[in-house]
Amino acid sequence: MSDSVNQPSNAQFTRYLPLLAVIIGAGVGWWLFRDYLSFQALADNRDALIAFRDANYLLTTAVFILAYALIVAFSLPGATIATLTGGFLFATFPGAFYNVLGATAGATAIFLAAQTSVGAKLGAKLEGAEGVTKKFKDAIDENQWSALFLLRLVPAVPFFIANLLPAFFEVPLRRYVISTFLGILPGAVVYTSVGAGLGEVFERGETPNLGIIFEPQVLFPILGLCALASLPVILKAVRGKKGL
């Protein structure tokens, strides 16, 4: 009798282990590395990083991508600095590719942790809901590609939220990975290019312009991509009204 009672509770606890590991890792990572994930730390160690990259390029690439993935997976406050570092070490290209690869891997890890723990259960509850909640869930389901790309493209949406939210709406893993990789690419190229010019910024003793993504020459093309991602939803709504 006791074994039959304990088995479901053990299974339930095991299901929450991935998300628990992310939460614990985030706390430990923030405590241990918060002083190292900063622009000042990058400026202070720039010569050592360049020397190590020149002597061990492949190892530097692998370590960088892994470190970026861990920063994103544990939602540590250093993703922007990591993106700048990718540009500083590897130039705009292939630095942007390394940045996107690491970010996508980390985002996928936290997505899977959330989906396997609470995502499936919450998704089932939303599916059985009624009223506005049900309509919102159905709208997301019918326009998943557009919704996923908008989450990634809109600069105002925090990266952490965009990583977690799809896990609660039963988004397929393949669709999540593709939309993440392509959706974060424009912003990654912008910040990687800023990182590629850090050498001159360091020489002048200045700090980079991290608000560049909100400047018109950068923001308007991204808003154009947002409009393009929204187009299928708009067309579907228009056709629906015509059908009425």
C-alpha atoms as a PDB file:
ATOM      1  CA  MET A   1       0.000   0.000   0.000  1.00  0.00           C
ATOM      2  CA  SER A   2       2.737   2.419   0.953  1.00  0.00           C
ATOM      3  CA  ASP A   3       4.689   1.586  -2.217  1.00  0.00           C
ATOM      4  CA  SER A   4       1.707   2.428  -4.419  1.00  0.00           C
ATOM      5  CA  VAL A   5       1.311   5.743  -2.620  1.00  0.00           C
ATOM      6  CA  ASN A   6       4.992   6.617  -2.847  1.00  0.00           C
ATOM      7  CA  GLN A   7       5.395   5.798  -6.545  1.00  0.00           C
ATOM      8  CA  PRO A   8       3.190   8.657  -7.844  1.00  0.00           C
ATOM      9  CA  SER A   9       4.766  11.138  -5.429  1.00  0.00           C
ATOM     10  CA  ASN A  10       8.276  10.047  -6.442  1.00  0.00           C
ATOM     11  CA  ALA A  11       7.376  10.308 -10.115  1.00  0.00           C
ATOM     12  CA  GLN A  12       5.946  13.781  -9.535  1.00  0.00           C
ATOM     13  CA  PHE A  13       9.098  14.893  -7.709  1.00  0.00           C
ATOM     14  CA  THR A  14      11.301  13.516 -10.503  1.00  0.00           C
ATOM     15  CA  ARG A  15       9.283  15.466 -13.048  1.00  0.00           C
ATOM     16  CA  TYR A  16      10.130  18.717 -11.302  1.00  0.00           C
ATOM     17  CA  LEU A  17      13.866  17.962 -11.028  1.00  0.00           C
ATOM     18  CA  PRO A  18      14.886  19.676 -14.325  1.00  0.00           C
ATOM     19  CA  LEU A  19      13.157  22.936 -13.387  1.00  0.00           C
ATOM     20  CA  LEU A  20      14.502  22.702  -9.842  1.00  0.00           C
ATOM     21  CA  ALA A  21      18.016  22.255 -11.236  1.00  0.00           C
ATOM     22  CA  VAL A  22      17.582  25.389 -13.353  1.00  0.00           C
ATOM     23  CA  ILE A  23      16.400  27.420 -10.354  1.00  0.00           C
ATOM     24  CA  ILE A  24      19.258  26.223  -8.130  1.00  0.00           C
ATOM     25  CA  GLY A  25      21.787  26.701 -10.928  1.00  0.00           C
ATOM     26  CA  ALA A  26      20.522  30.231 -11.516  1.00  0.00           C
ATOM     27  CA  GLY A  27      20.977  31.128  -7.844  1.00  0.00           C
ATOM     28  CA  VAL A  28      24.435  29.567  -7.576  1.00  0.00           C
ATOM     29  CA  GLY A  29      25.539  31.002 -10.919  1.00  0.00           C
ATOM     30  CA  TRP A  30      24.412  34.494 -10.025  1.00  0.00           C
ATOM     31  CA  TRP A  31      26.233  34.306  -6.686  1.00  0.00           C
ATOM     32  CA  LEU A  32      29.500  32.956  -8.110  1.00  0.00           C
ATOM     33  CA  PHE A  33      29.754  34.714 -11.465  1.00  0.00           C
ATOM     34  CA  ARG A  34      27.839  37.995 -11.177  1.00  0.00           C
ATOM     35  CA  ASP A  35      31.093  39.992 -10.994  1.00  0.00           C
ATOM     36  CA  TYR A  36      32.526  38.236 -14.054  1.00  0.00           C
ATOM     37  CA  LEU A  37      29.540  38.744 -16.354  1.00  0.00           C
ATOM     38  CA  SER A  38      30.048  42.473 -16.763  1.00  0.00           C
ATOM     39  CA  PHE A  39      31.456  44.894 -19.280  1.00  0.00           C
ATOM     40  CA  GLN A  40      34.198  45.896 -16.854  1.00  0.00           C
ATOM     41  CA  ALA A  41      35.330  42.272 -16.504  1.00  0.00           C
ATOM     42  CA  LEU A  42      35.499  42.003 -20.296  1.00  0.00           C
ATOM     43  CA  ALA A  43      37.516  45.220 -20.512  1.00  0.00           C
ATOM     44  CA  ASP A  44      39.915  44.100 -17.772  1.00  0.00           C
ATOM     45  CA  ASN A  45      40.554  40.694 -19.375  1.00  0.00           C
ATOM     46  CA  ARG A  46      40.476  41.597 -23.048  1.00  0.00           C
ATOM     47  CA  ASP A  47      44.183  41.021 -23.696  1.00  0.00           C
ATOM     48  CA  ALA A  48      44.163  37.618 -21.979  1.00  0.00           C
ATOM     49  CA  LEU A  49      41.068  36.564 -23.911  1.00  0.00           C
ATOM     50  CA  ILE A  50      42.577  37.570 -27.251  1.00  0.00           C
ATOM     51  CA  ALA A  51      45.835  35.756 -26.441  1.00  0.00           C
ATOM     52  CA  PHE A  52      43.989  32.593 -25.433  1.00  0.00           C
ATOM     53  CA  ARG A  53      41.821  32.730 -28.567  1.00  0.00           C
ATOM     54  CA  ASP A  54      44.869  33.113 -30.816  1.00  0.00           C
ATOM     55  CA  ALA A  55      46.569  30.131 -29.188  1.00  0.00           C
ATOM     56  CA  ASN A  56      43.466  27.908 -28.899  1.00  0.00           C
ATOM     57  CA  TYR A  57      40.863  28.983 -31.428  1.00  0.00           C
ATOM     58  CA  LEU A  58      38.765  25.808 -31.570  1.00  0.00           C
ATOM     59  CA  LEU A  59      38.831  25.354 -27.800  1.00  0.00           C
ATOM     60  CA  THR A  60      37.880  29.005 -27.297  1.00  0.00           C
ATOM     61  CA  THR A  61      34.960  28.584 -29.702  1.00  0.00           C
ATOM     62  CA  ALA A  62      33.661  25.468 -27.944  1.00  0.00           C
ATOM     63  CA  VAL A  63      34.052  26.951 -24.456  1.00  0.00           C
ATOM     64  CA  PHE A  64      32.395  30.195 -25.524  1.00  0.00           C
ATOM     65  CA  ILE A  65      29.340  28.475 -27.042  1.00  0.00           C
ATOM     66  CA  LEU A  66      28.994  26.245 -23.966  1.00  0.00           C
ATOM     67  CA  ALA A  67      29.352  29.213 -21.601  1.00  0.00           C
ATOM     68  CA  TYR A  68      26.748  31.190 -23.560  1.00  0.00           C
ATOM     69  CA  ALA A  69      24.350  28.229 -23.457  1.00  0.00           C
ATOM     70  CA  LEU A  70      24.768  27.915 -19.685  1.00  0.00           C
ATOM     71  CA  ILE A  71      24.188  31.651 -19.173  1.00  0.00           C
ATOM     72  CA  VAL A  72      20.900  31.431 -21.073  1.00  0.00           C
ATOM     73  CA  ALA A  73      19.841  28.071 -19.609  1.00  0.00           C
ATOM     74  CA  PHE A  74      20.234  29.386 -16.056  1.00  0.00           C
ATOM     75  CA  SER A  75      18.950  32.874 -16.956  1.00  0.00           C
ATOM     76  CA  LEU A  76      22.081  34.550 -15.622  1.00  0.00           C
ATOM     77  CA  PRO A  77      22.364  38.345 -16.104  1.00  0.00           C
ATOM     78  CA  GLY A  78      25.117  38.235 -18.697  1.00  0.00           C
ATOM     79  CA  ALA A  79      23.637  37.362 -22.093  1.00  0.00           C
ATOM     80  CA  THR A  80      24.253  40.822 -23.535  1.00  0.00           C
ATOM     81  CA  ILE A  81      27.868  40.813 -22.343  1.00  0.00           C
ATOM     82  CA  ALA A  82      28.276  37.332 -23.801  1.00  0.00           C
ATOM     83  CA  THR A  83      26.974  38.566 -27.156  1.00  0.00           C
ATOM     84  CA  LEU A  84      29.432  41.468 -27.092  1.00  0.00           C
ATOM     85  CA  THR A  85      32.208  39.047 -26.204  1.00  0.00           C
ATOM     86  CA  GLY A  86      31.303  36.892 -29.195  1.00  0.00           C
ATOM     87  CA  GLY A  87      31.723  39.878 -31.475  1.00  0.00           C
ATOM     88  CA  PHE A  88      34.921  40.976 -29.729  1.00  0.00           C
ATOM     89  CA  LEU A  89      36.548  37.551 -30.042  1.00  0.00           C
ATOM     90  CA  PHE A  90      35.215  36.322 -33.377  1.00  0.00           C
ATOM     91  CA  ALA A  91      34.075  39.471 -35.292  1.00  0.00           C
ATOM     92  CA  THR A  92      30.531  39.954 -36.560  1.00  0.00           C
ATOM     93  CA  PHE A  93      30.804  36.719 -38.493  1.00  0.00           C
ATOM     94  CA  PRO A  94      31.190  33.970 -37.369  1.00  0.00           C
ATOM     95  CA  GLY A  95      30.613  35.624 -33.969  1.00  0.00           C
ATOM     96  CA  ALA A  96      26.893  36.120 -34.641  1.00  0.00           C
ATOM     97  CA  PHE A  97      26.552  32.454 -35.547  1.00  0.00           C
ATOM     98  CA  TYR A  98      28.306  31.359 -32.344  1.00  0.00           C
ATOM     99  CA  ASN A  99      26.123  33.704 -30.305  1.00  0.00           C
ATOM    100  CA  VAL A 100      22.897  32.423 -31.845  1.00  0.00           C
ATOM    101  CA  LEU A 101      24.023  28.803 -31.513  1.00  0.00           C
ATOM    102  CA  GLY A 102      24.807  29.199 -27.817  1.00  0.00           C
ATOM    103  CA  ALA A 103      21.631  31.176 -27.116  1.00  0.00           C
ATOM    104  CA  THR A 104      19.452  28.656 -28.943  1.00  0.00           C
ATOM    105  CA  ALA A 105      21.021  25.731 -27.082  1.00  0.00           C
ATOM    106  CA  GLY A 106      20.499  27.435 -23.716  1.00  0.00           C
ATOM    107  CA  ALA A 107      16.951  28.498 -24.561  1.00  0.00           C
ATOM    108  CA  THR A 108      16.128  24.942 -25.652  1.00  0.00           C
ATOM    109  CA  ALA A 109      17.451  23.569 -22.364  1.00  0.00           C
ATOM    110  CA  ILE A 110      15.267  25.833 -20.228  1.00  0.00           C
ATOM    111  CA  PHE A 111      12.297  25.217 -22.548  1.00  0.00           C
ATOM    112  CA  LEU A 112      12.619  21.449 -22.072  1.00  0.00           C
ATOM    113  CA  ALA A 113      13.037  21.845 -18.311  1.00  0.00           C
ATOM    114  CA  ALA A 114       9.843  23.892 -18.084  1.00  0.00           C
ATOM    115  CA  GLN A 115       7.891  21.761 -20.535  1.00  0.00           C
ATOM    116  CA  THR A 116       8.665  18.432 -18.858  1.00  0.00           C
ATOM    117  CA  SER A 117       7.926  19.759 -15.375  1.00  0.00           C
ATOM    118  CA  VAL A 118       4.974  22.138 -15.459  1.00  0.00           C
ATOM    119  CA  GLY A 119       4.434  22.899 -19.139  1.00  0.00           C
ATOM    120  CA  ALA A 120       2.477  19.793 -20.093  1.00  0.00           C
ATOM    121  CA  LYS A 121       0.246  20.002 -17.028  1.00  0.00           C
ATOM    122  CA  LEU A 122      -0.459  23.697 -17.529  1.00  0.00           C
ATOM    123  CA  GLY A 123      -1.061  23.166 -21.236  1.00  0.00           C
ATOM    124  CA  ALA A 124      -3.680  20.525 -20.465  1.00  0.00           C
ATOM    125  CA  LYS A 125      -5.406  22.914 -18.055  1.00  0.00           C
ATOM    126  CA  LEU A 126      -5.432  25.682 -20.649  1.00  0.00           C
ATOM    127  CA  GLU A 127      -6.836  23.263 -23.220  1.00  0.00           C
ATOM    128  CA  GLY A 128      -9.718  22.459 -20.894  1.00  0.00           C
ATOM    129  CA  ALA A 129     -10.360  26.081 -19.963  1.00  0.00           C
ATOM    130  CA  GLU A 130     -13.302  28.150 -21.172  1.00  0.00           C
ATOM    131  CA  GLY A 131     -14.026  31.745 -22.124  1.00  0.00           C
ATOM    132  CA  VAL A 132     -11.225  34.221 -22.821  1.00  0.00           C
ATOM    133  CA  THR A 133      -8.490  31.827 -21.704  1.00  0.00           C
ATOM    134  CA  LYS A 134      -9.637  29.165 -24.154  1.00  0.00           C
ATOM    135  CA  LYS A 135      -9.877  31.694 -27.002  1.00  0.00           C
ATOM    136  CA  PHE A 136      -6.367  32.967 -26.253  1.00  0.00           C
ATOM    137  CA  LYS A 137      -5.006  29.404 -26.201  1.00  0.00           C
ATOM    138  CA  ASP A 138      -6.728  28.593 -29.499  1.00  0.00           C
ATOM    139  CA  ALA A 139      -5.388  31.777 -31.098  1.00  0.00           C
ATOM    140  CA  ILE A 140      -1.835  30.853 -30.089  1.00  0.00           C
ATOM    141  CA  ASP A 141      -2.280  27.303 -31.369  1.00  0.00           C
ATOM    142  CA  GLU A 142      -3.592  28.491 -34.734  1.00  0.00           C
ATOM    143  CA  ASN A 143      -0.758  30.990 -35.231  1.00  0.00           C
ATOM    144  CA  GLN A 144       2.193  29.378 -33.466  1.00  0.00           C
ATOM    145  CA  TRP A 145       4.847  30.346 -36.004  1.00  0.00           C
ATOM    146  CA  SER A 146       3.810  33.996 -36.001  1.00  0.00           C
ATOM    147  CA  ALA A 147       3.542  34.108 -32.196  1.00  0.00           C
ATOM    148  CA  LEU A 148       6.960  32.505 -31.729  1.00  0.00           C
ATOM    149  CA  PHE A 149       8.685  34.857 -34.155  1.00  0.00           C
ATOM    150  CA  LEU A 150       7.022  37.889 -32.576  1.00  0.00           C
ATOM    151  CA  LEU A 151       8.215  36.797 -29.125  1.00  0.00           C
ATOM    152  CA  ARG A 152      11.769  36.757 -30.434  1.00  0.00           C
ATOM    153  CA  LEU A 153      11.673  39.831 -32.650  1.00  0.00           C
ATOM    154  CA  VAL A 154       9.936  42.350 -30.380  1.00  0.00           C
ATOM    155  CA  PRO A 155      12.771  44.042 -28.415  1.00  0.00           C
ATOM    156  CA  ALA A 156      10.480  44.784 -25.452  1.00  0.00           C
ATOM    157  CA  VAL A 157       9.890  41.075 -24.678  1.00  0.00           C
ATOM    158  CA  PRO A 158      12.483  39.841 -22.121  1.00  0.00           C
ATOM    159  CA  PHE A 159      14.516  36.911 -23.411  1.00  0.00           C
ATOM    160  CA  PHE A 160      13.702  34.892 -20.281  1.00  0.00           C
ATOM    161  CA  ILE A 161       9.958  35.231 -20.891  1.00  0.00           C
ATOM    162  CA  ALA A 162      10.311  34.311 -24.561  1.00  0.00           C
ATOM    163  CA  ASN A 163      12.203  31.171 -23.509  1.00  0.00           C
ATOM    164  CA  LEU A 164       9.596  29.987 -21.023  1.00  0.00           C
ATOM    165  CA  LEU A 165       6.222  31.026 -22.428  1.00  0.00           C
ATOM    166  CA  PRO A 166       6.148  28.560 -25.370  1.00  0.00           C
ATOM    167  CA  ALA A 167       6.624  25.671 -22.916  1.00  0.00           C
ATOM    168  CA  PHE A 168       3.198  26.455 -21.452  1.00  0.00           C
ATOM    169  CA  PHE A 169       1.444  26.307 -24.834  1.00  0.00           C
ATOM    170  CA  GLU A 170       2.580  22.858 -25.975  1.00  0.00           C
ATOM    171  CA  VAL A 171       4.827  24.178 -28.750  1.00  0.00           C
ATOM    172  CA  PRO A 172       6.677  21.343 -30.553  1.00  0.00           C
ATOM    173  CA  LEU A 173      10.415  21.243 -29.887  1.00  0.00           C
ATOM    174  CA  ARG A 174      11.403  21.484 -33.565  1.00  0.00           C
ATOM    175  CA  ARG A 175       9.238  24.565 -34.094  1.00  0.00           C
ATOM    176  CA  TYR A 176      10.628  26.166 -30.949  1.00  0.00           C
ATOM    177  CA  VAL A 177      14.261  25.600 -31.967  1.00  0.00           C
ATOM    178  CA  ILE A 178      13.793  26.907 -35.523  1.00  0.00           C
ATOM    179  CA  SER A 179      11.868  30.017 -34.457  1.00  0.00           C
ATOM    180  CA  THR A 180      14.399  30.746 -31.715  1.00  0.00           C
ATOM    181  CA  PHE A 181      17.425  30.449 -33.992  1.00  0.00           C
ATOM    182  CA  LEU A 182      15.949  32.597 -36.758  1.00  0.00           C
ATOM    183  CA  GLY A 183      14.036  34.974 -34.493  1.00  0.00           C
ATOM    184  CA  ILE A 184      17.030  36.068 -32.410  1.00  0.00           C
ATOM    185  CA  LEU A 185      19.331  36.349 -35.408  1.00  0.00           C
ATOM    186  CA  PRO A 186      18.621  40.034 -36.286  1.00  0.00           C
ATOM    187  CA  GLY A 187      19.223  41.298 -32.747  1.00  0.00           C
ATOM    188  CA  ALA A 188      22.256  39.049 -32.350  1.00  0.00           C
ATOM    189  CA  VAL A 189      23.855  40.466 -35.502  1.00  0.00           C
ATOM    190  CA  VAL A 190      23.324  44.007 -34.208  1.00  0.00           C
ATOM    191  CA  TYR A 191      24.907  43.397 -30.795  1.00  0.00           C
ATOM    192  CA  THR A 192      27.647  41.178 -32.232  1.00  0.00           C
ATOM    193  CA  SER A 193      28.644  44.001 -34.566  1.00  0.00           C
ATOM    194  CA  VAL A 194      28.810  46.310 -31.537  1.00  0.00           C
ATOM    195  CA  GLY A 195      31.082  43.768 -29.853  1.00  0.00           C
ATOM    196  CA  ALA A 196      33.265  43.570 -32.948  1.00  0.00           C
ATOM    197  CA  GLY A 197      34.049  47.259 -32.511  1.00  0.00           C
ATOM    198  CA  LEU A 198      34.888  47.042 -28.816  1.00  0.00           C
ATOM    199  CA  GLY A 199      38.614  47.327 -29.470  1.00  0.00           C
ATOM    200  CA  GLU A 200      38.234  50.996 -30.382  1.00  0.00           C
ATOM    201  CA  VAL A 201      35.757  51.543 -27.535  1.00  0.00           C
ATOM    202  CA  PHE A 202      38.291  50.146 -25.051  1.00  0.00           C
ATOM    203  CA  GLU A 203      41.016  52.367 -26.451  1.00  0.00           C
ATOM    204  CA  ARG A 204      38.863  55.443 -25.898  1.00  0.00           C
ATOM    205  CA  GLY A 205      37.894  54.321 -22.405  1.00  0.00           C
ATOM    206  CA  GLU A 206      34.208  54.421 -23.278  1.00  0.00           C
ATOM    207  CA  THR A 207      31.282  51.999 -22.965  1.00  0.00           C
ATOM    208  CA  PRO A 208      29.350  50.572 -25.936  1.00  0.00           C
ATOM    209  CA  ASN A 209      25.962  51.885 -26.991  1.00  0.00           C
ATOM    210  CA  LEU A 210      23.669  49.051 -25.889  1.00  0.00           C
ATOM    211  CA  GLY A 211      20.604  51.074 -26.825  1.00  0.00           C
ATOM    212  CA  ILE A 212      21.522  50.859 -30.494  1.00  0.00           C
ATOM    213  CA  ILE A 213      18.727  48.367 -31.167  1.00  0.00           C
ATOM    214  CA  PHE A 214      16.185  51.125 -30.404  1.00  0.00           C
ATOM    215  CA  GLU A 215      17.730  53.578 -32.872  1.00  0.00           C
ATOM    216  CA  PRO A 216      15.625  54.152 -36.024  1.00  0.00           C
ATOM    217  CA  GLN A 217      18.058  52.574 -38.506  1.00  0.00           C
ATOM    218  CA  VAL A 218      17.980  49.331 -36.503  1.00  0.00           C
ATOM    219  CA  LEU A 219      14.517  49.404 -34.929  1.00  0.00           C
ATOM    220  CA  PHE A 220      12.546  50.051 -38.127  1.00  0.00           C
ATOM    221  CA  PRO A 221      13.863  46.969 -39.991  1.00  0.00           C
ATOM    222  CA  ILE A 222      13.131  44.828 -36.923  1.00  0.00           C
ATOM    223  CA  LEU A 223       9.623  46.268 -36.714  1.00  0.00           C
ATOM    224  CA  GLY A 224       9.282  45.430 -40.400  1.00  0.00           C
ATOM    225  CA  LEU A 225      10.132  41.816 -39.595  1.00  0.00           C
ATOM    226  CA  CYS A 226       7.541  41.917 -36.798  1.00  0.00           C
ATOM    227  CA  ALA A 227       4.943  43.125 -39.283  1.00  0.00           C
ATOM    228  CA  LEU A 228       5.945  40.324 -41.668  1.00  0.00           C
ATOM    229  CA  ALA A 229       5.575  37.759 -38.879  1.00  0.00           C
ATOM    230  CA  SER A 230       2.126  39.186 -38.071  1.00  0.00           C
ATOM    231  CA  LEU A 231       0.958  39.072 -41.697  1.00  0.00           C
ATOM    232  CA  PRO A 232      -0.427  35.490 -41.607  1.00  0.00           C
ATOM    233  CA  VAL A 233      -2.495  36.351 -38.524  1.00  0.00           C
ATOM    234  CA  ILE A 234      -3.845  39.515 -40.149  1.00  0.00           C
ATOM    235  CA  LEU A 235      -4.700  37.719 -43.402  1.00  0.00           C
ATOM    236  CA  LYS A 236      -6.439  34.922 -41.512  1.00  0.00           C
ATOM    237  CA  ALA A 237      -8.491  37.462 -39.551  1.00  0.00           C
ATOM    238  CA  VAL A 238      -9.459  39.340 -42.729  1.00  0.00           C
ATOM    239  CA  ARG A 239     -10.474  36.145 -44.507  1.00  0.00           C
ATOM    240  CA  GLY A 240     -12.477  35.107 -41.468  1.00  0.00           C
ATOM    241  CA  LYS A 241     -14.430  38.357 -41.512  1.00  0.00           C
ATOM    242  CA  LYS A 242     -15.071  38.019 -45.245  1.00  0.00           C
ATOM    243  CA  GLY A 243     -16.374  34.529 -44.624  1.00  0.00           C
ATOM    244  CA  LEU A 244     -18.900  35.950 -42.209  1.00  0.00           C
END
